[in-house]
Each structure stands twice: as structure tokens, then as C-alpha cells.
Protein backbone atom coordinates (compact mmCIF):
# COMPACT_ATOMS: atom_id res chain seq x y z
CA UNK A 1 116.22 104.95 78.30
CA UNK A 2 116.96 101.25 77.19
CA UNK A 3 117.34 100.73 73.26
CA UNK A 4 115.07 98.29 71.42
CA UNK A 5 117.70 95.39 71.67
CA UNK A 6 117.68 95.64 75.56
CA UNK A 7 113.58 95.72 75.70
CA UNK A 8 113.63 92.74 73.44
CA UNK A 9 115.97 90.77 75.67
CA UNK A 10 113.58 91.28 78.51
CA UNK A 11 111.20 88.73 77.24
CA UNK A 12 113.94 86.03 77.19
CA UNK A 13 115.07 86.67 80.98
CA UNK A 14 114.20 83.43 82.81
CA UNK A 15 115.91 81.13 85.33
CA UNK A 16 115.16 77.33 86.47
CA UNK A 17 113.74 76.95 89.86
CA UNK A 18 115.79 74.20 91.52
CA UNK A 19 115.62 74.74 95.30
CA UNK A 20 113.18 71.85 95.89
CA UNK A 21 109.56 71.23 95.77
CA UNK A 22 106.63 71.20 98.41
CA UNK A 23 104.47 68.04 98.64
CA UNK A 24 101.05 67.61 100.14
CA UNK A 25 102.41 65.00 102.90
CA UNK A 26 104.59 67.60 104.30
CA UNK A 27 102.05 70.21 104.87
CA UNK A 28 100.91 70.84 108.41
CA UNK A 29 97.28 71.15 109.17
CA UNK A 30 97.48 74.85 110.19
CA UNK A 31 98.88 77.44 107.50
CA UNK A 32 100.51 79.52 110.34
CA UNK A 33 102.84 76.62 111.26
CA UNK A 34 104.28 76.53 107.73
CA UNK A 35 104.41 80.29 107.52
CA UNK A 36 106.48 80.34 110.88
CA UNK A 37 108.83 77.79 109.34
CA UNK A 38 109.30 79.68 106.14
CA UNK A 39 109.72 82.82 107.88
CA UNK A 40 112.37 81.41 110.20
CA UNK A 41 114.18 80.03 107.03
CA UNK A 42 113.91 83.22 105.40
CA UNK A 43 115.45 84.99 108.43
CA UNK A 44 118.20 82.34 108.94
CA UNK A 45 119.08 82.69 104.99
CA UNK A 46 119.81 86.29 105.90
CA UNK A 47 117.58 87.62 103.26
CA UNK A 48 117.05 91.46 102.91
CA UNK A 49 114.17 92.44 104.77
CA UNK A 50 112.72 88.77 105.46
CA UNK A 51 109.61 90.51 107.24
CA UNK A 52 108.83 92.73 104.11
CA UNK A 53 105.41 92.19 102.51
CA UNK A 54 103.44 93.82 99.72
CA UNK A 55 100.35 95.32 101.15
CA UNK A 56 97.52 95.60 98.67
CA UNK A 57 94.27 97.99 99.33
CA UNK A 58 91.87 99.20 97.02
CA UNK A 59 90.41 102.92 96.87
CA UNK A 60 86.64 103.93 96.67
CA UNK A 61 86.75 103.64 92.89
CA UNK A 62 87.94 99.93 92.87
CA UNK A 63 91.78 101.12 92.07
CA UNK A 64 94.22 98.78 93.68
CA UNK A 65 97.38 100.18 95.14
CA UNK A 66 100.48 98.31 96.60
CA UNK A 67 103.31 99.04 98.77
CA UNK A 68 105.91 97.52 100.94
CA UNK A 69 105.49 97.29 104.65
CA UNK A 70 107.24 95.47 107.60
CA UNK A 71 105.37 92.68 109.31
CA UNK A 72 105.77 93.19 113.16
CA UNK A 73 103.90 90.41 114.87
CA UNK A 74 101.68 87.44 113.92
CA UNK A 75 99.83 84.98 115.99
CA UNK A 76 96.49 82.86 115.75
CA UNK A 77 94.74 86.33 115.61
CA UNK A 78 96.32 87.60 112.50
CA UNK A 79 99.36 89.40 111.19
CA UNK A 80 100.16 92.92 112.20
CA UNK A 81 101.85 96.05 111.01
CA UNK A 82 101.96 99.64 111.76
CA UNK A 83 101.48 102.97 109.83
CA UNK A 84 100.51 106.73 109.85
CA UNK A 85 96.69 106.58 110.06
CA UNK A 86 96.66 109.50 107.60
CA UNK A 87 98.26 107.40 104.99
CA UNK A 88 96.62 106.18 101.74
CA UNK A 89 96.46 102.68 102.86
CA UNK A 90 94.82 103.57 106.28
CA UNK A 91 91.99 105.55 104.44
CA UNK A 92 91.42 102.66 102.21
CA UNK A 93 91.26 100.18 104.85
CA UNK A 94 88.55 102.50 106.68
CA UNK A 95 86.32 102.29 103.63
CA UNK A 96 87.14 98.74 102.64
CA UNK A 97 89.03 96.55 105.31
CA UNK A 98 89.75 93.82 102.63
CA UNK A 99 93.36 93.50 102.28
CA UNK A 100 96.09 91.28 100.53
CA UNK A 101 99.70 90.58 101.74
CA UNK A 102 102.41 89.08 99.59
CA UNK A 103 105.66 87.96 101.12
CA UNK A 104 108.26 87.64 98.30
CA UNK A 105 110.88 85.43 99.20
CA UNK A 106 112.65 85.38 95.70
CA UNK A 107 116.02 83.85 96.88
CA UNK A 108 114.41 80.77 98.30
CA UNK A 109 112.11 80.57 95.31
CA UNK A 110 108.97 81.01 97.60
CA UNK A 111 105.96 83.34 97.93
CA UNK A 112 103.15 83.36 100.51
CA UNK A 113 99.96 85.30 99.81
CA UNK A 114 97.42 86.09 102.41
CA UNK A 115 93.86 87.17 101.94
CA UNK A 116 91.74 88.69 104.75
CA UNK A 117 90.48 91.76 106.55
CA UNK A 118 92.25 94.44 108.61
CA UNK A 119 91.10 95.73 111.71
CA UNK A 120 92.74 98.67 113.77
CA UNK A 121 94.84 97.58 116.83
CA UNK A 122 93.94 99.04 120.30
CA UNK A 123 95.87 102.19 121.63
CA UNK A 124 97.33 99.96 124.30
CA UNK A 125 98.94 97.69 121.78
CA UNK A 126 100.08 100.45 119.47
CA UNK A 127 101.81 102.29 122.63
CA UNK A 128 103.49 99.13 123.66
CA UNK A 129 105.18 98.72 120.16
CA UNK A 130 105.70 102.55 119.69
CA UNK A 131 107.85 102.91 122.72
CA UNK A 132 109.80 99.66 121.53
CA UNK A 133 111.07 101.23 118.67
CA UNK A 134 114.31 103.25 118.49
CA UNK A 135 113.87 106.71 119.62
CA UNK A 136 114.83 108.43 116.36
CA UNK A 137 112.22 106.26 114.65
CA UNK A 138 109.55 107.29 117.17
CA UNK A 139 110.64 110.81 116.32
CA UNK A 140 110.46 110.13 112.54
CA UNK A 141 106.70 108.99 113.15
CA UNK A 142 105.92 112.47 114.11
CA UNK A 143 107.60 114.05 111.00
CA UNK A 144 105.80 112.77 108.18
CA UNK A 145 102.20 113.22 107.06
CA UNK A 146 102.37 110.09 105.02
CA UNK A 147 101.26 110.34 101.33
CA UNK A 148 100.90 113.98 101.39
CA UNK A 149 102.69 116.07 98.80
CA UNK A 150 105.80 117.92 99.71
CA UNK A 151 108.08 120.22 97.82
CA UNK A 152 111.51 119.10 99.06
CA UNK A 153 113.27 116.41 101.21
CA UNK A 154 114.86 119.36 103.31
CA UNK A 155 111.39 119.97 104.81
CA UNK A 156 111.36 116.50 106.49
CA UNK A 157 114.90 116.82 107.65
CA UNK A 158 114.33 120.23 109.24
CA UNK A 159 111.22 118.99 110.87
CA UNK A 160 112.99 116.14 112.19
CA UNK A 161 115.84 118.17 113.86
CA UNK A 162 113.05 120.50 115.19
CA UNK A 163 111.18 117.52 116.79
CA UNK A 164 114.34 115.98 118.05
CA UNK A 165 115.09 119.19 119.99
CA UNK A 166 111.60 119.42 121.28
CA UNK A 167 111.68 115.80 122.55
CA UNK A 168 115.19 116.01 123.89
CA UNK A 169 113.96 115.26 127.28
CA UNK A 170 111.68 112.64 128.62
CA UNK A 171 109.62 110.29 126.68
CA UNK A 172 108.37 110.54 122.93
CA UNK A 173 104.69 110.71 123.07
CA UNK A 174 102.44 108.46 120.63
CA UNK A 175 101.12 110.60 117.79
CA UNK A 176 97.46 110.64 117.54
CA UNK A 177 97.86 109.87 113.95
CA UNK A 178 99.95 106.59 114.14
CA UNK A 179 98.48 103.29 114.71
CA UNK A 180 98.55 99.65 113.67
CA UNK A 181 96.40 97.12 112.01
CA UNK A 182 95.85 93.17 112.39
CA UNK A 183 95.16 91.20 109.33
CA UNK A 184 92.70 88.32 110.06
CA UNK A 185 93.04 85.65 107.28
CA UNK A 186 90.47 83.34 105.62
CA UNK A 187 92.96 82.19 102.97
CA UNK A 188 96.82 81.67 102.86
CA UNK A 189 98.73 80.54 99.64
CA UNK A 190 102.09 78.95 99.62
CA UNK A 191 104.10 78.92 96.38
CA UNK A 192 107.26 76.95 95.74
CA UNK A 193 109.27 77.42 92.49
CA UNK A 194 109.70 74.25 90.53
CA UNK A 195 111.68 72.95 87.51
CA UNK A 196 110.10 73.39 84.04
CA UNK A 197 107.70 75.88 85.53
CA UNK A 198 105.93 73.22 87.44
CA UNK A 199 105.58 75.23 90.60
CA UNK A 200 104.00 73.77 93.65
CA UNK A 201 100.85 75.98 95.02
CA UNK A 202 98.85 74.89 98.26
CA UNK A 203 95.88 77.16 99.26
CA UNK A 204 94.57 77.08 102.64
CA UNK A 205 91.04 77.98 103.26
CA UNK A 206 89.25 78.29 106.50
CA UNK A 207 86.42 75.75 106.83
CA UNK A 208 84.55 76.33 110.20
CA UNK A 209 87.25 75.61 112.77
CA UNK A 210 89.44 73.61 110.21
CA UNK A 211 91.55 74.35 107.31
CA UNK A 212 90.82 73.06 103.85
CA UNK A 213 93.97 72.36 101.77
CA UNK A 214 94.02 72.32 97.81
CA UNK A 215 96.68 71.91 95.59
CA UNK A 216 96.56 74.76 92.58
CA UNK A 217 97.78 74.32 89.16
CA UNK A 218 100.86 76.63 88.58
């Protein structure tokens, strides 16, 4: 456990954000254009897991939950991720499709937040992606009943070896409990760190067939 002096020092941890600002004149009319540009820059900067996003869902009592998931595809229809359909997040989205995504590109002093609704992908889309994964990842999808309680890691490792032997020949079949979601979005917010905590924030909100852009106070 940290001592009291270490805990007191947390309040004083800060740094200046100096990598540049974001101006209204530089914004494209479509949020996905800026998102693609920023994602490419995150990849080019060799950030660890540039496609990692925090996925927030809410249970039936209104309790929010968050976890990190990898973005696997995006286009005008939305942002796509895959998961075990028995997982906590999948159960939440069955009852309440409202969802929030956050891309925390700290090293570039940037964040992107997406607010929208999630819908299940078609089986065809899921199969196509599933068989593009490394074979061991396909087998790994069979192993875990995501979010369920287990007594030891060895249970997972033994199950993996068992299934690896079972699927030694031929194609690994798609598990019935594995699928994906597409997040169609109505809002996308871009945050760029600024000096003296004067950060730049711009919110895109869908307005019919166009996007309304507002600058937000930091």
C-alpha cells in the first residue's frame, strides 16, 4: 500500500499539453473523416493498441460498466467490434442498445468519444471476420464463457488444449455464442489537449442528413 506522502502527491501530478491545437477552420464536415485521419496518425505513431476503445454499457439497474475492446472495422454505417454473446456487455446491449465508446490516445494528447446505439451483426459478417482471425484466436473464442466465474486459469488452458486437439483437422466452426455489434452514432466528440488546460473540444451532432459542429468549453 502507498504511504500517505505518496497519496498526497497524486493531486500534484500533471503535465502540460503542447502538441498542438484544433481549430474550427480545420474540421471536415463529416466526423468520420477526422476520425480516420486521427486513427491513421495513432497507427503511424506506433501507439500500443491504437484501435483499443473503452466500451461503456449500462445494466438493468442503471449501473454503468466499462471495458476495453478492439475496433475491427468502421464505415458510414458505424463502428464494429466482436465479442462473446454471453458476455456482460452483450447482455446489457440486448436490453439497452445505448452505448458510448472512447478512444484514449494519450500520447497524442487526444480523445475521441462516440455516442450511439449498437445492433447485432449478421451471421455472414461474423463468419467472414471469424475465419480471418489467427487459428488459435478462433479456438480461444470457444474456450471462454466470458464474464463467468472460474476457479483457476488452468481450466482455460486445459480447455484450449482439448479444443486444439479436437479442431486439429479442418476449419474451426463459428461458435453459436460468438458475434459482433455495429455502433451507429449520433454524436462524436474530438478532444485535443491544449496549454494551460485550455483544451480544444468539438462536438459533431447529426442534424438530418448533415452534421452540426459546436465548440465545447474545456
